[in-house]
Amino acid sequence: MSAVTRINESVLGFCERPALAWVAKRLPASILPDHLTAFAAAGAMLTAAGYILSCRSLTWLWVASLGIMINWFGDSLDGTLARLRHIERPRYGFFIDHTSDLFCQSVTFIALGISPLAHFGMACLGLIAFLMAFVFTLIAAQTRSTMRITYFYFGPTEIRALLLIGNFLTLAVGVVDMRLWLPELPGTGRVSIHDAFIALLAGAAVAVIAMLAWRDGSVLSVEDPPPL
């Protein structure tokens, strides 16, 4: 996987990348990328626990938010540290990093669906959208030698930022029913801020992936013509 080109055009990258580089340079030599990957997984478990326990009290969203930040720190820093120290392990790192991402995002979305913040079906829709982007990224890595971290400047860091915003808004004012501002919305169930975010992002993800699939398929049909 060393020939694969990473595409990371994160909206928050202008502040995220310098911060990660600053931290990576100051980490003790005893801390390795695998430690940070495990730290990210622990953050995902803490996030899931906080979301599930928020069924008892919304105060547990502080724990979920802390877990999101821990997950971001470990997941974003492990690759940065490996590249900074020139200790990359392309195949092993690819396997561990993306397997960890798959596990972390799955437990986060499922726990969000169990919490009072989002309907379980809507959380599963968000997970499906993530899996679509995840699989499409792996397909592009194989066929186009590009590893797309972001789609139209939006990636994992932005998703975590939106989850944090939703958590803090809920902690401040409670679970808000968005139907108060969207009275024409069909159905009788509550539509929370998290539901609205997930629906918007899932719809955008499907449209963007379909467009990129059409574009890449057209390019590959020319680059890889049928045999004469």
C-alpha atoms as a PDB file:
ATOM      1  CA  MET A   1       0.000   0.000   0.000  1.00  0.00           C
ATOM      2  CA  SER A   2       2.997   2.358  -0.020  1.00  0.00           C
ATOM      3  CA  ALA A   3       2.161   3.542  -3.576  1.00  0.00           C
ATOM      4  CA  VAL A   4      -1.308   4.702  -2.557  1.00  0.00           C
ATOM      5  CA  THR A   5      -1.783   8.477  -2.504  1.00  0.00           C
ATOM      6  CA  ARG A   6      -3.722   9.837   0.493  1.00  0.00           C
ATOM      7  CA  ILE A   7      -6.300  12.549  -0.218  1.00  0.00           C
ATOM      8  CA  ASN A   8      -7.080  14.538   2.914  1.00  0.00           C
ATOM      9  CA  GLU A   9      -8.719  17.909   2.243  1.00  0.00           C
ATOM     10  CA  SER A  10     -10.389  18.305   5.612  1.00  0.00           C
ATOM     11  CA  VAL A  11     -12.097  21.626   6.337  1.00  0.00           C
ATOM     12  CA  LEU A  12     -10.498  21.531   9.790  1.00  0.00           C
ATOM     13  CA  GLY A  13      -7.131  20.409   8.443  1.00  0.00           C
ATOM     14  CA  PHE A  14      -5.644  23.909   8.585  1.00  0.00           C
ATOM     15  CA  CYS A  15      -5.620  23.675  12.385  1.00  0.00           C
ATOM     16  CA  GLU A  16      -5.650  19.897  12.836  1.00  0.00           C
ATOM     17  CA  ARG A  17      -2.453  19.064  10.933  1.00  0.00           C
ATOM     18  CA  PRO A  18      -0.175  21.614  12.679  1.00  0.00           C
ATOM     19  CA  ALA A  19      -1.591  20.576  16.059  1.00  0.00           C
ATOM     20  CA  LEU A  20      -0.975  16.874  15.378  1.00  0.00           C
ATOM     21  CA  ALA A  21       2.561  17.541  14.138  1.00  0.00           C
ATOM     22  CA  TRP A  22       3.300  19.642  17.240  1.00  0.00           C
ATOM     23  CA  VAL A  23       2.082  16.888  19.565  1.00  0.00           C
ATOM     24  CA  ALA A  24       3.780  14.069  17.638  1.00  0.00           C
ATOM     25  CA  LYS A  25       7.180  15.769  17.925  1.00  0.00           C
ATOM     26  CA  ARG A  26       6.825  15.931  21.701  1.00  0.00           C
ATOM     27  CA  LEU A  27       5.576  12.436  22.434  1.00  0.00           C
ATOM     28  CA  PRO A  28       7.968  10.187  24.386  1.00  0.00           C
ATOM     29  CA  ALA A  29       9.866   7.664  22.283  1.00  0.00           C
ATOM     30  CA  SER A  30       8.190   4.854  24.243  1.00  0.00           C
ATOM     31  CA  ILE A  31       4.794   5.757  22.728  1.00  0.00           C
ATOM     32  CA  LEU A  32       4.291   3.967  19.421  1.00  0.00           C
ATOM     33  CA  PRO A  33       1.566   4.223  16.758  1.00  0.00           C
ATOM     34  CA  ASP A  34      -0.009   0.974  17.985  1.00  0.00           C
ATOM     35  CA  HIS A  35      -0.462   2.543  21.421  1.00  0.00           C
ATOM     36  CA  LEU A  36      -2.329   5.454  19.858  1.00  0.00           C
ATOM     37  CA  THR A  37      -4.543   3.118  17.822  1.00  0.00           C
ATOM     38  CA  ALA A  38      -5.448   1.270  21.022  1.00  0.00           C
ATOM     39  CA  PHE A  39      -6.079   4.635  22.695  1.00  0.00           C
ATOM     40  CA  ALA A  40      -8.487   5.531  19.884  1.00  0.00           C
ATOM     41  CA  ALA A  41     -10.343   2.232  20.340  1.00  0.00           C
ATOM     42  CA  ALA A  42     -10.622   2.907  24.075  1.00  0.00           C
ATOM     43  CA  GLY A  43     -12.058   6.318  23.242  1.00  0.00           C
ATOM     44  CA  ALA A  44     -14.696   4.716  21.026  1.00  0.00           C
ATOM     45  CA  MET A  45     -15.689   2.354  23.833  1.00  0.00           C
ATOM     46  CA  LEU A  46     -15.934   5.314  26.222  1.00  0.00           C
ATOM     47  CA  THR A  47     -18.088   7.145  23.668  1.00  0.00           C
ATOM     48  CA  ALA A  48     -20.393   4.149  23.353  1.00  0.00           C
ATOM     49  CA  ALA A  49     -20.684   3.820  27.134  1.00  0.00           C
ATOM     50  CA  GLY A  50     -21.512   7.514  27.483  1.00  0.00           C
ATOM     51  CA  TYR A  51     -24.216   7.378  24.820  1.00  0.00           C
ATOM     52  CA  ILE A  52     -25.821   4.258  26.275  1.00  0.00           C
ATOM     53  CA  LEU A  53     -25.753   5.628  29.829  1.00  0.00           C
ATOM     54  CA  SER A  54     -27.296   8.887  28.611  1.00  0.00           C
ATOM     55  CA  CYS A  55     -30.573   6.939  28.640  1.00  0.00           C
ATOM     56  CA  ARG A  56     -30.412   7.426  32.421  1.00  0.00           C
ATOM     57  CA  SER A  57     -29.103  10.989  32.438  1.00  0.00           C
ATOM     58  CA  LEU A  58     -27.971  13.361  29.698  1.00  0.00           C
ATOM     59  CA  THR A  59     -25.036  14.256  31.941  1.00  0.00           C
ATOM     60  CA  TRP A  60     -23.333  11.119  30.591  1.00  0.00           C
ATOM     61  CA  LEU A  61     -22.940  12.980  27.304  1.00  0.00           C
ATOM     62  CA  TRP A  62     -19.870  14.591  28.874  1.00  0.00           C
ATOM     63  CA  VAL A  63     -18.343  11.111  28.974  1.00  0.00           C
ATOM     64  CA  ALA A  64     -19.375  10.449  25.371  1.00  0.00           C
ATOM     65  CA  SER A  65     -17.817  13.753  24.305  1.00  0.00           C
ATOM     66  CA  LEU A  66     -14.575  12.937  26.124  1.00  0.00           C
ATOM     67  CA  GLY A  67     -14.511   9.577  24.339  1.00  0.00           C
ATOM     68  CA  ILE A  68     -14.964  11.291  20.959  1.00  0.00           C
ATOM     69  CA  MET A  69     -11.980  13.553  21.643  1.00  0.00           C
ATOM     70  CA  ILE A  70      -9.849  10.607  22.801  1.00  0.00           C
ATOM     71  CA  ASN A  71     -10.829   8.673  19.685  1.00  0.00           C
ATOM     72  CA  TRP A  72      -9.900  11.634  17.468  1.00  0.00           C
ATOM     73  CA  PHE A  73      -6.558  12.074  19.222  1.00  0.00           C
ATOM     74  CA  GLY A  74      -5.496   8.452  18.883  1.00  0.00           C
ATOM     75  CA  ASP A  75      -6.894   7.843  15.400  1.00  0.00           C
ATOM     76  CA  SER A  76      -5.497  11.034  13.893  1.00  0.00           C
ATOM     77  CA  LEU A  77      -2.110  10.874  15.589  1.00  0.00           C
ATOM     78  CA  ASP A  78      -1.052   7.268  14.985  1.00  0.00           C
ATOM     79  CA  GLY A  79      -0.344   7.766  11.284  1.00  0.00           C
ATOM     80  CA  THR A  80       1.188  11.197  11.881  1.00  0.00           C
ATOM     81  CA  LEU A  81       3.598   9.719  14.410  1.00  0.00           C
ATOM     82  CA  ALA A  82       4.561   6.834  12.118  1.00  0.00           C
ATOM     83  CA  ARG A  83       5.312   9.181   9.219  1.00  0.00           C
ATOM     84  CA  LEU A  84       7.202  11.642  11.408  1.00  0.00           C
ATOM     85  CA  ARG A  85       9.503   8.920  12.800  1.00  0.00           C
ATOM     86  CA  HIS A  86       9.741   7.103   9.447  1.00  0.00           C
ATOM     87  CA  ILE A  87       8.528   3.859  11.008  1.00  0.00           C
ATOM     88  CA  GLU A  88       5.649   3.213   8.630  1.00  0.00           C
ATOM     89  CA  ARG A  89       4.508  -0.387   8.191  1.00  0.00           C
ATOM     90  CA  PRO A  90       2.348  -0.011   5.068  1.00  0.00           C
ATOM     91  CA  ARG A  91       0.413  -3.280   5.010  1.00  0.00           C
ATOM     92  CA  TYR A  92       0.228  -3.798   8.768  1.00  0.00           C
ATOM     93  CA  GLY A  93      -0.630  -0.150   9.398  1.00  0.00           C
ATOM     94  CA  PHE A  94      -3.296  -0.176   6.706  1.00  0.00           C
ATOM     95  CA  PHE A  95      -4.880  -3.282   8.187  1.00  0.00           C
ATOM     96  CA  ILE A  96      -4.798  -2.166  11.828  1.00  0.00           C
ATOM     97  CA  ASP A  97      -5.868   1.423  11.151  1.00  0.00           C
ATOM     98  CA  HIS A  98      -8.875   0.619   8.998  1.00  0.00           C
ATOM     99  CA  THR A  99      -9.977  -2.388  11.023  1.00  0.00           C
ATOM    100  CA  SER A 100      -9.920  -0.163  14.108  1.00  0.00           C
ATOM    101  CA  ASP A 101     -11.890   2.545  12.275  1.00  0.00           C
ATOM    102  CA  LEU A 102     -14.509  -0.002  11.226  1.00  0.00           C
ATOM    103  CA  PHE A 103     -14.935  -1.219  14.798  1.00  0.00           C
ATOM    104  CA  CYS A 104     -14.910   2.247  16.390  1.00  0.00           C
ATOM    105  CA  GLN A 105     -17.417   3.839  14.040  1.00  0.00           C
ATOM    106  CA  SER A 106     -19.762   0.850  14.248  1.00  0.00           C
ATOM    107  CA  VAL A 107     -19.962   0.848  18.047  1.00  0.00           C
ATOM    108  CA  THR A 108     -20.331   4.637  18.086  1.00  0.00           C
ATOM    109  CA  PHE A 109     -23.301   4.701  15.711  1.00  0.00           C
ATOM    110  CA  ILE A 110     -25.008   1.720  17.383  1.00  0.00           C
ATOM    111  CA  ALA A 111     -24.628   3.314  20.818  1.00  0.00           C
ATOM    112  CA  LEU A 112     -25.934   6.611  19.443  1.00  0.00           C
ATOM    113  CA  GLY A 113     -29.021   4.745  18.252  1.00  0.00           C
ATOM    114  CA  ILE A 114     -29.549   3.283  21.727  1.00  0.00           C
ATOM    115  CA  SER A 115     -29.244   6.727  23.324  1.00  0.00           C
ATOM    116  CA  PRO A 116     -32.181   9.179  23.493  1.00  0.00           C
ATOM    117  CA  LEU A 117     -30.393  11.447  21.000  1.00  0.00           C
ATOM    118  CA  ALA A 118     -31.264   9.596  17.795  1.00  0.00           C
ATOM    119  CA  HIS A 119     -33.626   6.925  16.545  1.00  0.00           C
ATOM    120  CA  PHE A 120     -31.962   3.547  16.153  1.00  0.00           C
ATOM    121  CA  GLY A 121     -32.995   3.348  12.510  1.00  0.00           C
ATOM    122  CA  MET A 122     -31.498   6.760  11.788  1.00  0.00           C
ATOM    123  CA  ALA A 123     -28.240   5.811  13.523  1.00  0.00           C
ATOM    124  CA  CYS A 124     -28.117   2.663  11.374  1.00  0.00           C
ATOM    125  CA  LEU A 125     -28.643   4.853   8.302  1.00  0.00           C
ATOM    126  CA  GLY A 126     -25.610   6.882   9.362  1.00  0.00           C
ATOM    127  CA  LEU A 127     -23.614   3.672   9.829  1.00  0.00           C
ATOM    128  CA  ILE A 128     -24.647   2.456   6.364  1.00  0.00           C
ATOM    129  CA  ALA A 129     -23.510   5.751   4.837  1.00  0.00           C
ATOM    130  CA  PHE A 130     -20.173   5.440   6.642  1.00  0.00           C
ATOM    131  CA  LEU A 131     -19.744   1.860   5.419  1.00  0.00           C
ATOM    132  CA  MET A 132     -20.526   2.935   1.843  1.00  0.00           C
ATOM    133  CA  ALA A 133     -17.809   5.583   2.014  1.00  0.00           C
ATOM    134  CA  PHE A 134     -15.454   3.124   3.729  1.00  0.00           C
ATOM    135  CA  VAL A 135     -15.884   0.429   1.081  1.00  0.00           C
ATOM    136  CA  PHE A 136     -15.698   2.925  -1.786  1.00  0.00           C
ATOM    137  CA  THR A 137     -12.441   4.249  -0.353  1.00  0.00           C
ATOM    138  CA  LEU A 138     -10.967   0.739  -0.334  1.00  0.00           C
ATOM    139  CA  ILE A 139     -12.167   0.138  -3.906  1.00  0.00           C
ATOM    140  CA  ALA A 140     -10.495   3.361  -5.038  1.00  0.00           C
ATOM    141  CA  ALA A 141      -7.303   2.391  -3.220  1.00  0.00           C
ATOM    142  CA  GLN A 142      -7.158  -0.784  -5.276  1.00  0.00           C
ATOM    143  CA  THR A 143      -8.278   0.575  -8.649  1.00  0.00           C
ATOM    144  CA  ARG A 144      -7.062   4.192  -8.602  1.00  0.00           C
ATOM    145  CA  SER A 145      -4.211   3.982  -6.033  1.00  0.00           C
ATOM    146  CA  THR A 146      -5.818   6.796  -4.048  1.00  0.00           C
ATOM    147  CA  MET A 147      -6.887   6.642  -0.412  1.00  0.00           C
ATOM    148  CA  ARG A 148      -9.593   9.257   0.020  1.00  0.00           C
ATOM    149  CA  ILE A 149      -9.833  10.355   3.666  1.00  0.00           C
ATOM    150  CA  THR A 150     -12.299  13.162   2.939  1.00  0.00           C
ATOM    151  CA  TYR A 151     -15.152  13.674   0.501  1.00  0.00           C
ATOM    152  CA  PHE A 152     -15.656  17.292  -0.575  1.00  0.00           C
ATOM    153  CA  TYR A 153     -13.618  18.526   2.389  1.00  0.00           C
ATOM    154  CA  PHE A 154     -15.615  16.441   4.871  1.00  0.00           C
ATOM    155  CA  GLY A 155     -14.217  13.461   6.746  1.00  0.00           C
ATOM    156  CA  PRO A 156     -13.925  11.721  10.127  1.00  0.00           C
ATOM    157  CA  THR A 157     -12.728  14.843  11.944  1.00  0.00           C
ATOM    158  CA  GLU A 158     -15.755  16.825  10.769  1.00  0.00           C
ATOM    159  CA  ILE A 159     -18.104  13.982  11.775  1.00  0.00           C
ATOM    160  CA  ARG A 160     -16.636  13.986  15.276  1.00  0.00           C
ATOM    161  CA  ALA A 161     -16.967  17.780  15.429  1.00  0.00           C
ATOM    162  CA  LEU A 162     -20.665  17.555  14.530  1.00  0.00           C
ATOM    163  CA  LEU A 163     -21.228  14.868  17.166  1.00  0.00           C
ATOM    164  CA  LEU A 164     -19.584  17.110  19.743  1.00  0.00           C
ATOM    165  CA  ILE A 165     -21.719  20.087  18.702  1.00  0.00           C
ATOM    166  CA  GLY A 166     -24.854  17.959  18.969  1.00  0.00           C
ATOM    167  CA  ASN A 167     -23.799  16.680  22.378  1.00  0.00           C
ATOM    168  CA  PHE A 168     -23.087  20.155  23.743  1.00  0.00           C
ATOM    169  CA  LEU A 169     -26.352  21.563  22.394  1.00  0.00           C
ATOM    170  CA  THR A 170     -28.232  18.695  24.018  1.00  0.00           C
ATOM    171  CA  LEU A 171     -26.419  19.244  27.315  1.00  0.00           C
ATOM    172  CA  ALA A 172     -27.342  22.931  27.154  1.00  0.00           C
ATOM    173  CA  VAL A 173     -31.018  22.745  26.181  1.00  0.00           C
ATOM    174  CA  GLY A 174     -31.990  19.054  26.219  1.00  0.00           C
ATOM    175  CA  VAL A 175     -33.109  16.883  23.315  1.00  0.00           C
ATOM    176  CA  VAL A 176     -34.604  19.357  20.840  1.00  0.00           C
ATOM    177  CA  ASP A 177     -37.449  18.298  18.560  1.00  0.00           C
ATOM    178  CA  MET A 178     -36.612  19.733  15.136  1.00  0.00           C
ATOM    179  CA  ARG A 179     -40.269  19.462  14.073  1.00  0.00           C
ATOM    180  CA  LEU A 180     -40.859  22.742  15.884  1.00  0.00           C
ATOM    181  CA  TRP A 181     -39.030  24.382  12.965  1.00  0.00           C
ATOM    182  CA  LEU A 182     -40.147  21.856  10.339  1.00  0.00           C
ATOM    183  CA  PRO A 183     -43.892  21.455  10.958  1.00  0.00           C
ATOM    184  CA  GLU A 184     -44.475  20.009   7.509  1.00  0.00           C
ATOM    185  CA  LEU A 185     -42.171  17.052   8.264  1.00  0.00           C
ATOM    186  CA  PRO A 186     -44.227  13.823   8.023  1.00  0.00           C
ATOM    187  CA  GLY A 187     -44.532  11.397  10.906  1.00  0.00           C
ATOM    188  CA  THR A 188     -45.307  11.792  14.565  1.00  0.00           C
ATOM    189  CA  GLY A 189     -41.986  10.809  16.138  1.00  0.00           C
ATOM    190  CA  ARG A 190     -39.420  13.218  17.528  1.00  0.00           C
ATOM    191  CA  VAL A 191     -36.704  14.458  15.165  1.00  0.00           C
ATOM    192  CA  SER A 192     -33.589  15.404  17.140  1.00  0.00           C
ATOM    193  CA  ILE A 193     -30.590  17.451  16.096  1.00  0.00           C
ATOM    194  CA  HIS A 194     -28.615  14.233  15.711  1.00  0.00           C
ATOM    195  CA  ASP A 195     -31.365  12.748  13.509  1.00  0.00           C
ATOM    196  CA  ALA A 196     -31.265  15.828  11.285  1.00  0.00           C
ATOM    197  CA  PHE A 197     -27.462  15.759  11.019  1.00  0.00           C
ATOM    198  CA  ILE A 198     -27.426  12.063  10.155  1.00  0.00           C
ATOM    199  CA  ALA A 199     -30.172  12.363   7.526  1.00  0.00           C
ATOM    200  CA  LEU A 200     -28.431  15.304   5.859  1.00  0.00           C
ATOM    201  CA  LEU A 201     -25.002  13.660   5.844  1.00  0.00           C
ATOM    202  CA  ALA A 202     -26.295  10.268   4.694  1.00  0.00           C
ATOM    203  CA  GLY A 203     -28.145  11.816   1.770  1.00  0.00           C
ATOM    204  CA  ALA A 204     -25.101  13.871   0.788  1.00  0.00           C
ATOM    205  CA  ALA A 205     -22.812  10.828   1.115  1.00  0.00           C
ATOM    206  CA  VAL A 206     -24.919   8.694  -1.218  1.00  0.00           C
ATOM    207  CA  ALA A 207     -25.057  11.476  -3.831  1.00  0.00           C
ATOM    208  CA  VAL A 208     -21.314  12.188  -3.656  1.00  0.00           C
ATOM    209  CA  ILE A 209     -20.300   8.526  -3.809  1.00  0.00           C
ATOM    210  CA  ALA A 210     -22.611   7.937  -6.782  1.00  0.00           C
ATOM    211  CA  MET A 211     -21.072  10.902  -8.605  1.00  0.00           C
ATOM    212  CA  LEU A 212     -17.507   9.788  -7.864  1.00  0.00           C
ATOM    213  CA  ALA A 213     -18.310   6.211  -8.862  1.00  0.00           C
ATOM    214  CA  TRP A 214     -19.641   7.422 -12.221  1.00  0.00           C
ATOM    215  CA  ARG A 215     -16.579   9.608 -12.757  1.00  0.00           C
ATOM    216  CA  ASP A 216     -14.034   6.943 -11.782  1.00  0.00           C
ATOM    217  CA  GLY A 217     -15.845   4.291 -13.806  1.00  0.00           C
ATOM    218  CA  SER A 218     -15.716   6.505 -16.896  1.00  0.00           C
ATOM    219  CA  VAL A 219     -11.997   7.139 -16.428  1.00  0.00           C
ATOM    220  CA  LEU A 220     -11.229   3.454 -15.835  1.00  0.00           C
ATOM    221  CA  SER A 221     -13.158   2.443 -18.946  1.00  0.00           C
ATOM    222  CA  VAL A 222     -10.653   4.469 -20.972  1.00  0.00           C
ATOM    223  CA  GLU A 223      -7.549   3.541 -18.970  1.00  0.00           C
ATOM    224  CA  ASP A 224      -8.440  -0.166 -18.922  1.00  0.00           C
ATOM    225  CA  PRO A 225     -10.011  -0.865 -22.349  1.00  0.00           C
ATOM    226  CA  PRO A 226     -11.387  -4.271 -23.285  1.00  0.00           C
ATOM    227  CA  PRO A 227      -8.979  -6.629 -25.095  1.00  0.00           C
ATOM    228  CA  LEU A 228      -9.100  -6.525 -28.869  1.00  0.00           C
END
